[in-house]
Amino acid sequence: MEPRAHASRLVLIGSAASQAMSPALWNPVLARLGNGWRYEAWDVPPDGDLAQVRRELLDPDLVAANVTMPHKHWAAESADVADGSVRLSGACNLLVRAGERLEAHNTDITAARELLGTAYQRHALLLGAGGAARAALISIRENVGTVSITDRDPRASAELLELACQLGLDAHAITWEQARDAAADASLIVNATPIGKSTSDPAAWGGAALAPDAVLYDFVYARHTTASVACAEAMGIRCIDGWDHLREQAVAMVPLLGLDEETGVLLQETLVRLRATH
């Protein structure tokens, strides 16, 4: 795909898009590329006018839109074309405009696969059941034994459990309280909730001791080290944090936007500087 000659805007859609780091990551890179593109944040509340948002995404000046909470399911459903990862997960974090059509992709899955690799996970605990949790589930589906799913909203847990069962996984839904005990046995703990954004937040699973072979995948990135990461690191547990995920999902966008390979290198360099100053 060649870079679009006239379109110049990338946007982020989410209920708290203006608080996200994506514009600060992308805009210095776009300035160095000199292609005239810019990255904007659109705050769209859960009950926002999504039909109007879709119309605006078809503006000829629009290149693509990243999508974050709570609109990843809407993005998957509203797209005209969806790739296999979106069809499988039911979630989309990247809508690319192609004329009068929107093409749906899920670079969250690409990032999770890259960061987790092919290591076997005997027991994965998913804290949260939204789009991020779906990405983690899809990324490990061929390398996992048992999956435990929990969310504050039992309906969300049930929906993700249904997907896990469709994938043929040995999965079950547990309560939030049961997840604290399940964490001690898990080889992979995924925090796909906002817990950690505040400095006063505890570790997502409560802080109980984790298994020696455990891996923590914390989707939250913040200007501080989250309690989940701090707690896990104190136990000697391998941690993948939200900054790692932000980097990999952004790099995965590069070919989908028709940008040169050097863009991936610039993104990684910029994120290192950005992280050092926050």
Foldseek 3Di string as FASTA:
>chain_A
DAFDQAAAEEEEEEQPQVPDCVQVLVAVLCVVVVSNHHYYYDNAHPPGDVVVVLVVCLPPNHFKYFYDPPCQLVLLVPFPAEDPLCVLLSGFGMWGDDRRGTYGDHLLLVLLLVVVPQAAWAEEEEEDQHDNSSSNCVSHLVRYAEYEYEYQDVVSSVVSVVSSVVSVHRYDYDYLLVLLVVQQVTQEYEHPDQQFQDQPGAASSRLDDHDPNHEYEALDDYLDDGNNNVSCVVNVHHYHYNLSSVLSSVLVCQVVNNHDNVSSVSSVVSSVVVNVVD
